[in-house]
Amino acid sequence: MVVDGVSEGTESEGTEAAEDGVDRLFHALADTTRRDILRRCVRDDLSVSRLAEAYPMSFAAVQKHVAVLERAGLVVKRRRGREQLVRTDPDAVGRARQALDELETAWRGRVERMSRLLAGEAETDVPDPLEGPER
């Protein structure tokens, strides 16, 4: 059953995993420092210590921000000697855009259906993409 866009019951594991990934993605993007790290690392691979120099916080705090970005799949870390270099993954940014595009499409459909109802037109049997499949 779907209530206010939240599903209960027998969601498939793949859908749940995808939703968890989207949640991690937007959680990571919700922070100003993490968005700035993404911008810096899109131009060049930067070490975590180099990143830490740019912020008024501890090295450990910057490491935690990078870890959040890495769990969300927004950055990739690789070792070069003793350094860990951070690079923005442009494909992950595309996944964020795709998630937003899907939400926009669903909400535009809802607004269109509400407009038809307000205008007195009969509701068509178009499923609401935010509610998922009928159960």
Protein backbone atom coordinates (compact mmCIF):
# COMPACT_ATOMS: atom_id res chain seq x y z
CA MET A 1 0.00 0.00 0.00
CA VAL A 2 1.18 3.53 -0.71
CA VAL A 3 0.44 6.33 1.74
CA ASP A 4 1.68 9.85 0.96
CA GLY A 5 4.22 8.42 -1.47
CA VAL A 6 5.67 5.97 1.09
CA SER A 7 5.24 2.30 0.30
CA GLU A 8 4.45 -0.40 2.83
CA GLY A 9 4.63 -4.11 2.43
CA THR A 10 6.22 -6.04 -0.39
CA GLU A 11 8.57 -3.60 -2.07
CA SER A 12 11.15 -5.39 -4.17
CA GLU A 13 14.69 -5.37 -2.81
CA GLY A 14 15.96 -3.67 -5.96
CA THR A 15 13.57 -0.77 -5.55
CA GLU A 16 14.47 -0.41 -1.87
CA ALA A 17 18.17 -0.42 -2.71
CA ALA A 18 17.63 2.21 -5.39
CA GLU A 19 15.67 4.39 -2.96
CA ASP A 20 18.42 4.01 -0.35
CA GLY A 21 20.94 5.11 -2.95
CA VAL A 22 18.87 8.18 -3.82
CA ASP A 23 18.52 8.97 -0.12
CA ARG A 24 22.31 8.77 0.36
CA LEU A 25 22.83 10.89 -2.72
CA PHE A 26 20.59 13.73 -1.60
CA HIS A 27 21.79 13.51 2.01
CA ALA A 28 25.33 14.02 0.71
CA LEU A 29 24.27 16.93 -1.51
CA ALA A 30 22.38 18.63 1.33
CA ASP A 31 25.58 19.95 2.91
CA THR A 32 27.36 23.08 1.64
CA THR A 33 30.84 21.77 2.43
CA ARG A 34 30.22 18.52 0.59
CA ARG A 35 28.91 20.36 -2.48
CA ASP A 36 32.04 22.53 -2.40
CA ILE A 37 34.24 19.42 -2.19
CA LEU A 38 32.46 18.07 -5.27
CA ARG A 39 33.13 21.30 -7.17
CA ARG A 40 36.81 21.31 -6.20
CA CYS A 41 37.31 17.66 -7.11
CA VAL A 42 35.64 17.93 -10.50
CA ARG A 43 38.51 20.12 -11.75
CA ASP A 44 41.34 18.06 -10.31
CA ASP A 45 42.04 15.02 -8.13
CA LEU A 46 42.80 16.43 -4.67
CA SER A 47 44.19 14.75 -1.60
CA VAL A 48 42.08 14.75 1.53
CA SER A 49 44.83 16.75 3.30
CA ARG A 50 44.77 19.36 0.52
CA LEU A 51 41.00 19.58 0.80
CA ALA A 52 41.26 19.99 4.57
CA GLU A 53 43.41 23.12 4.08
CA ALA A 54 40.47 24.85 2.41
CA TYR A 55 38.02 24.54 5.32
CA PRO A 56 37.90 25.93 8.86
CA MET A 57 37.49 22.45 10.36
CA SER A 58 39.63 19.54 11.39
CA PHE A 59 41.17 17.05 8.99
CA ALA A 60 38.95 14.36 10.57
CA ALA A 61 35.81 16.41 9.81
CA VAL A 62 36.82 16.75 6.15
CA GLN A 63 37.53 13.00 6.04
CA LYS A 64 33.99 12.37 7.30
CA HIS A 65 32.53 14.64 4.61
CA VAL A 66 34.52 12.76 1.95
CA ALA A 67 33.31 9.43 3.40
CA VAL A 68 29.67 10.58 3.08
CA LEU A 69 30.31 11.59 -0.53
CA GLU A 70 32.02 8.27 -1.22
CA ARG A 71 29.15 6.22 0.30
CA ALA A 72 26.75 8.15 -1.92
CA GLY A 73 28.91 7.31 -4.93
CA LEU A 74 29.59 10.99 -5.68
CA VAL A 75 33.36 10.72 -5.35
CA VAL A 76 35.95 8.03 -5.93
CA LYS A 77 39.10 7.76 -3.84
CA ARG A 78 42.33 6.23 -5.01
CA ARG A 79 45.72 5.86 -3.38
CA ARG A 80 48.85 7.54 -4.65
CA GLY A 81 51.63 6.67 -2.26
CA ARG A 82 50.52 7.78 1.19
CA GLU A 83 47.87 10.14 -0.15
CA GLN A 84 44.24 9.41 -0.88
CA LEU A 85 43.12 11.35 -3.92
CA VAL A 86 39.48 12.32 -4.29
CA ARG A 87 37.75 12.74 -7.65
CA THR A 88 34.12 13.65 -8.39
CA ASP A 89 32.24 10.96 -10.31
CA PRO A 90 30.30 12.84 -13.02
CA ASP A 91 28.02 9.82 -13.57
CA ALA A 92 26.78 10.11 -9.97
CA VAL A 93 25.84 13.74 -10.55
CA GLY A 94 23.87 12.51 -13.56
CA ARG A 95 22.03 10.02 -11.31
CA ALA A 96 20.98 12.91 -9.07
CA ARG A 97 19.70 14.78 -12.11
CA GLN A 98 17.80 11.69 -13.27
CA ALA A 99 16.14 11.29 -9.84
CA LEU A 100 15.05 14.94 -9.91
CA ASP A 101 13.78 14.60 -13.48
CA GLU A 102 11.67 11.59 -12.47
CA LEU A 103 10.18 13.53 -9.55
CA GLU A 104 9.48 16.51 -11.81
CA THR A 105 7.68 14.29 -14.33
CA ALA A 106 5.57 12.69 -11.61
CA TRP A 107 4.61 16.01 -10.05
CA ARG A 108 3.80 17.59 -13.41
CA GLY A 109 1.43 14.67 -14.02
CA ARG A 110 -0.23 15.24 -10.66
CA VAL A 111 -0.66 18.96 -11.32
CA GLU A 112 -2.12 18.18 -14.74
CA ARG A 113 -4.65 15.73 -13.21
CA MET A 114 -5.61 18.27 -10.53
CA SER A 115 -6.09 20.92 -13.22
CA ARG A 116 -8.39 18.60 -15.19
CA LEU A 117 -10.39 17.79 -12.05
CA LEU A 118 -10.77 21.48 -11.23
CA ALA A 119 -11.86 22.18 -14.79
CA GLY A 120 -14.51 19.48 -14.44
CA GLU A 121 -12.99 17.00 -16.87
CA ALA A 122 -13.32 13.28 -16.18
CA GLU A 123 -10.30 11.63 -14.60
CA THR A 124 -8.56 9.20 -16.93
CA ASP A 125 -7.08 5.96 -15.70
CA VAL A 126 -3.53 7.29 -15.70
CA PRO A 127 -1.56 5.83 -12.77
CA ASP A 128 0.21 8.20 -10.40
CA PRO A 129 3.96 7.50 -10.81
CA LEU A 130 4.63 8.58 -7.23
CA GLU A 131 2.34 5.89 -5.86
CA GLY A 132 3.91 2.94 -7.63
CA PRO A 133 2.05 -0.15 -8.88
CA GLU A 134 -1.42 -1.04 -7.62
CA ARG A 135 -1.45 -3.75 -4.96
